[in-house]
C-alpha atoms as a PDB file:
ATOM      1  CA  MET A   1      15.760  25.668  -0.965  1.00  0.00           C
ATOM      2  CA  LYS A   2      12.357  24.024  -0.768  1.00  0.00           C
ATOM      3  CA  CYS A   3      12.224  20.232  -0.559  1.00  0.00           C
ATOM      4  CA  ARG A   4       9.452  18.687  -2.639  1.00  0.00           C
ATOM      5  CA  GLU A   5       7.919  15.298  -2.088  1.00  0.00           C
ATOM      6  CA  PRO A   6       8.026  12.783  -4.940  1.00  0.00           C
ATOM      7  CA  ARG A   7       5.114  13.077  -7.333  1.00  0.00           C
ATOM      8  CA  LEU A   8       4.158  10.824 -10.173  1.00  0.00           C
ATOM      9  CA  LYS A   9       2.228  12.076 -13.167  1.00  0.00           C
ATOM     10  CA  SER A  10       1.035   8.605 -14.134  1.00  0.00           C
ATOM     11  CA  CYS A  11       1.113   5.008 -12.966  1.00  0.00           C
ATOM     12  CA  CYS A  12       3.484   2.685 -14.846  1.00  0.00           C
ATOM     13  CA  CYS A  13       4.326   5.568 -17.251  1.00  0.00           C
ATOM     14  CA  CYS A  14       1.096   5.271 -19.243  1.00  0.00           C
ATOM     15  CA  ILE A  15      -1.951   4.969 -16.949  1.00  0.00           C
ATOM     16  CA  ASN A  16      -3.541   7.983 -15.266  1.00  0.00           C
ATOM     17  CA  LEU A  17      -3.369   8.108 -11.474  1.00  0.00           C
ATOM     18  CA  ARG A  18      -7.039   7.384 -10.870  1.00  0.00           C
ATOM     19  CA  ALA A  19      -7.007   4.191 -12.951  1.00  0.00           C
ATOM     20  CA  GLY A  20      -3.632   3.306 -11.445  1.00  0.00           C
ATOM     21  CA  CYS A  21      -5.104   3.572  -7.941  1.00  0.00           C
ATOM     22  CA  PHE A  22      -7.994   1.340  -8.984  1.00  0.00           C
ATOM     23  CA  PHE A  23      -5.555  -1.245 -10.373  1.00  0.00           C
ATOM     24  CA  ALA A  24      -3.324  -0.922  -7.295  1.00  0.00           C
ATOM     25  CA  ALA A  25      -6.284  -1.422  -4.969  1.00  0.00           C
ATOM     26  CA  ILE A  26      -7.333  -4.614  -6.766  1.00  0.00           C
ATOM     27  CA  CYS A  27      -3.771  -5.993  -6.623  1.00  0.00           C
ATOM     28  CA  GLU A  28      -3.377  -5.010  -2.970  1.00  0.00           C
ATOM     29  CA  ILE A  29      -6.703  -6.606  -1.997  1.00  0.00           C
ATOM     30  CA  ILE A  30      -5.624  -9.878  -3.608  1.00  0.00           C
ATOM     31  CA  ALA A  31      -2.206  -9.721  -1.913  1.00  0.00           C
ATOM     32  CA  SER A  32      -3.784  -8.951   1.462  1.00  0.00           C
ATOM     33  CA  MET A  33      -6.174 -11.877   1.195  1.00  0.00           C
ATOM     34  CA  LEU A  34      -3.263 -14.178   0.377  1.00  0.00           C
ATOM     35  CA  GLY A  35      -1.381 -12.746   3.360  1.00  0.00           C
ATOM     36  CA  PHE A  36      -4.041 -14.008   5.733  1.00  0.00           C
ATOM     37  CA  PHE A  37      -2.934 -17.566   5.056  1.00  0.00           C
ATOM     38  CA  VAL A  38       0.641 -17.211   6.390  1.00  0.00           C
ATOM     39  CA  GLY A  39       1.738 -19.043   9.492  1.00  0.00           C
ATOM     40  CA  GLU A  40       0.332 -21.401  12.046  1.00  0.00           C
ATOM     41  CA  GLY A  41      -0.679 -19.079  14.852  1.00  0.00           C
ATOM     42  CA  ASP A  42       2.483 -17.876  16.564  1.00  0.00           C
ATOM     43  CA  LYS A  43       2.542 -14.343  18.023  1.00  0.00           C
ATOM     44  CA  LEU A  44       4.770 -13.233  15.170  1.00  0.00           C
ATOM     45  CA  PHE A  45       2.317 -14.520  12.574  1.00  0.00           C
ATOM     46  CA  LEU A  46      -0.545 -12.738  14.331  1.00  0.00           C
ATOM     47  CA  ILE A  47       1.350  -9.464  13.904  1.00  0.00           C
ATOM     48  CA  ALA A  48       1.713 -10.188  10.185  1.00  0.00           C
ATOM     49  CA  ARG A  49      -1.986 -11.042   9.902  1.00  0.00           C
ATOM     50  CA  PHE A  50      -2.868  -7.792  11.693  1.00  0.00           C
ATOM     51  CA  GLY A  51      -0.722  -5.911   9.158  1.00  0.00           C
ATOM     52  CA  PHE A  52      -2.478  -7.646   6.275  1.00  0.00           C
ATOM     53  CA  MET A  53      -5.884  -6.921   7.826  1.00  0.00           C
ATOM     54  CA  LEU A  54      -5.048  -3.210   8.081  1.00  0.00           C
ATOM     55  CA  HIS A  55      -3.798  -3.297   4.527  1.00  0.00           C
ATOM     56  CA  LEU A  56      -6.993  -4.958   3.279  1.00  0.00           C
ATOM     57  CA  ILE A  57      -9.120  -2.265   4.907  1.00  0.00           C
ATOM     58  CA  GLY A  58      -6.942   0.497   3.468  1.00  0.00           C
ATOM     59  CA  SER A  59      -7.010  -1.082   0.001  1.00  0.00           C
ATOM     60  CA  ILE A  60     -10.808  -1.199   0.051  1.00  0.00           C
ATOM     61  CA  PHE A  61     -10.811   2.503   0.944  1.00  0.00           C
ATOM     62  CA  LEU A  62      -8.432   3.214  -1.959  1.00  0.00           C
ATOM     63  CA  LEU A  63     -10.735   1.312  -4.306  1.00  0.00           C
ATOM     64  CA  MET A  64     -13.710   3.381  -3.130  1.00  0.00           C
ATOM     65  CA  SER A  65     -11.665   6.574  -3.435  1.00  0.00           C
ATOM     66  CA  SER A  66     -10.661   5.833  -7.009  1.00  0.00           C
ATOM     67  CA  VAL A  67     -14.340   5.445  -7.892  1.00  0.00           C
ATOM     68  CA  LEU A  68     -15.780   8.286  -5.783  1.00  0.00           C
ATOM     69  CA  GLN A  69     -12.759  10.677  -5.767  1.00  0.00           C
ATOM     70  CA  ILE A  70     -12.806  11.364  -2.020  1.00  0.00           C
ATOM     71  CA  GLU A  71      -9.541  12.624  -0.485  1.00  0.00           C
ATOM     72  CA  VAL A  72     -10.029  11.244   3.032  1.00  0.00           C
ATOM     73  CA  LEU A  73     -10.269   7.666   1.787  1.00  0.00           C
ATOM     74  CA  VAL A  74      -6.856   7.973   0.148  1.00  0.00           C
ATOM     75  CA  VAL A  75      -5.389   9.224   3.443  1.00  0.00           C
ATOM     76  CA  VAL A  76      -6.756   6.128   5.211  1.00  0.00           C
ATOM     77  CA  TYR A  77      -5.015   3.951   2.614  1.00  0.00           C
ATOM     78  CA  LEU A  78      -1.745   5.868   2.971  1.00  0.00           C
ATOM     79  CA  VAL A  79      -1.702   5.435   6.767  1.00  0.00           C
ATOM     80  CA  THR A  80      -2.684   1.761   6.732  1.00  0.00           C
ATOM     81  CA  ASN A  81      -0.165   1.013   3.989  1.00  0.00           C
ATOM     82  CA  VAL A  82       2.668   2.552   6.033  1.00  0.00           C
ATOM     83  CA  LEU A  83       1.627   0.447   9.026  1.00  0.00           C
ATOM     84  CA  HIS A  84       1.442  -2.636   6.784  1.00  0.00           C
ATOM     85  CA  ILE A  85       4.925  -2.041   5.390  1.00  0.00           C
ATOM     86  CA  ILE A  86       6.381  -1.573   8.881  1.00  0.00           C
ATOM     87  CA  LEU A  87       4.661  -4.616  10.406  1.00  0.00           C
ATOM     88  CA  CYS A  88       5.337  -6.967   7.501  1.00  0.00           C
ATOM     89  CA  THR A  89       8.965  -5.890   7.174  1.00  0.00           C
ATOM     90  CA  ALA A  90       9.423  -6.549  10.891  1.00  0.00           C
ATOM     91  CA  PHE A  91       7.739  -9.932  10.439  1.00  0.00           C
ATOM     92  CA  VAL A  92       9.970 -10.911   7.525  1.00  0.00           C
ATOM     93  CA  ILE A  93      13.153  -9.842   9.323  1.00  0.00           C
ATOM     94  CA  GLU A  94      12.182 -11.633  12.526  1.00  0.00           C
ATOM     95  CA  TYR A  95      11.131 -14.743  10.624  1.00  0.00           C
ATOM     96  CA  GLY A  96      14.370 -14.754   8.661  1.00  0.00           C
ATOM     97  CA  ILE A  97      16.428 -14.432  11.865  1.00  0.00           C
ATOM     98  CA  SER A  98      14.542 -17.137  13.763  1.00  0.00           C
ATOM     99  CA  CYS A  99      14.727 -19.701  10.949  1.00  0.00           C
ATOM    100  CA  SER A 100      18.166 -20.560   9.619  1.00  0.00           C
ATOM    101  CA  PHE A 101      17.109 -22.055   6.264  1.00  0.00           C
ATOM    102  CA  CYS A 102      14.148 -19.777   5.549  1.00  0.00           C
ATOM    103  CA  ALA A 103      15.910 -17.140   3.453  1.00  0.00           C
ATOM    104  CA  LEU A 104      14.379 -18.535   0.281  1.00  0.00           C
ATOM    105  CA  GLU A 105      10.931 -18.318   1.846  1.00  0.00           C
ATOM    106  CA  THR A 106      11.299 -14.698   2.942  1.00  0.00           C
ATOM    107  CA  VAL A 107      12.756 -13.283  -0.292  1.00  0.00           C
ATOM    108  CA  PRO A 108       9.475 -13.578  -2.293  1.00  0.00           C
ATOM    109  CA  VAL A 109       7.668 -11.637   0.443  1.00  0.00           C
ATOM    110  CA  PHE A 110       9.784  -8.563  -0.262  1.00  0.00           C
ATOM    111  CA  ILE A 111       8.525  -8.343  -3.866  1.00  0.00           C
ATOM    112  CA  PRO A 112       4.924  -7.453  -2.832  1.00  0.00           C
ATOM    113  CA  LEU A 113       6.348  -5.016  -0.273  1.00  0.00           C
ATOM    114  CA  ILE A 114       8.252  -3.225  -3.047  1.00  0.00           C
ATOM    115  CA  PHE A 115       5.084  -3.087  -5.156  1.00  0.00           C
ATOM    116  CA  SER A 116       3.225  -1.832  -2.094  1.00  0.00           C
ATOM    117  CA  LEU A 117       5.744   0.981  -1.712  1.00  0.00           C
ATOM    118  CA  TYR A 118       5.310   1.962  -5.372  1.00  0.00           C
ATOM    119  CA  PHE A 119       1.521   1.831  -5.049  1.00  0.00           C
ATOM    120  CA  TRP A 120       1.838   4.074  -1.983  1.00  0.00           C
ATOM    121  CA  MET A 121       3.659   6.629  -4.143  1.00  0.00           C
ATOM    122  CA  VAL A 122       0.921   6.382  -6.796  1.00  0.00           C
ATOM    123  CA  ALA A 123      -1.792   6.878  -4.164  1.00  0.00           C
ATOM    124  CA  PHE A 124       0.102   9.813  -2.637  1.00  0.00           C
ATOM    125  CA  SER A 125       0.375  11.494  -6.031  1.00  0.00           C
ATOM    126  CA  TYR A 126      -3.329  10.835  -6.634  1.00  0.00           C
ATOM    127  CA  TRP A 127      -4.138  12.362  -3.231  1.00  0.00           C
ATOM    128  CA  ARG A 128      -2.107  15.483  -4.096  1.00  0.00           C
ATOM    129  CA  ARG A 129      -3.917  15.735  -7.424  1.00  0.00           C
ATOM    130  CA  LEU A 130      -7.308  15.449  -5.641  1.00  0.00           C
ATOM    131  CA  GLN A 131      -6.262  18.216  -3.262  1.00  0.00           C
ATOM    132  CA  TRP A 132      -5.274  20.376  -6.208  1.00  0.00           C
ATOM    133  CA  MET A 133      -8.530  19.666  -8.060  1.00  0.00           C
ATOM    134  CA  ASN A 134     -10.662  20.394  -4.969  1.00  0.00           C
ATOM    135  CA  ASN A 135      -8.858  23.679  -4.340  1.00  0.00           C
ATOM    136  CA  PRO A 136     -11.284  26.596  -4.820  1.00  0.00           C
ATOM    137  CA  GLU A 137      -8.596  28.562  -6.682  1.00  0.00           C
ATOM    138  CA  TYR A 138      -8.335  25.844  -9.348  1.00  0.00           C
ATOM    139  CA  ASP A 139     -10.176  26.715 -12.564  1.00  0.00           C
ATOM    140  CA  ASP A 140     -10.610  24.026 -15.147  1.00  0.00           C
END
């Protein structure tokens, strides 16, 4: 039995994948810029800022890919988004453990991470569609 990766046919059930990636990139760029303002300068906050910096770069590449339809730019976004999710999840867990009354501060951070995971799935499906469209055996 062959295991297939999850694929989406559209973003938010009504938007095509290319426009969904454009919208996702805009949202992710705004979220990444807001992420730069967390913390005072502790080592833990520097890790979070590094994650947001990677995510900003990847989101800019996704924005360019949705306009230019270049596969490699989507791959850069996919890799940087995975690194962002790992680093920011580690930051939120460590911050929640180190601060006893900070649970209410860390819960809203998980909402953008969930959106980021969904946008990753949209970008992955868009990347698969670009691969399929750029296949020489594909006839339109």
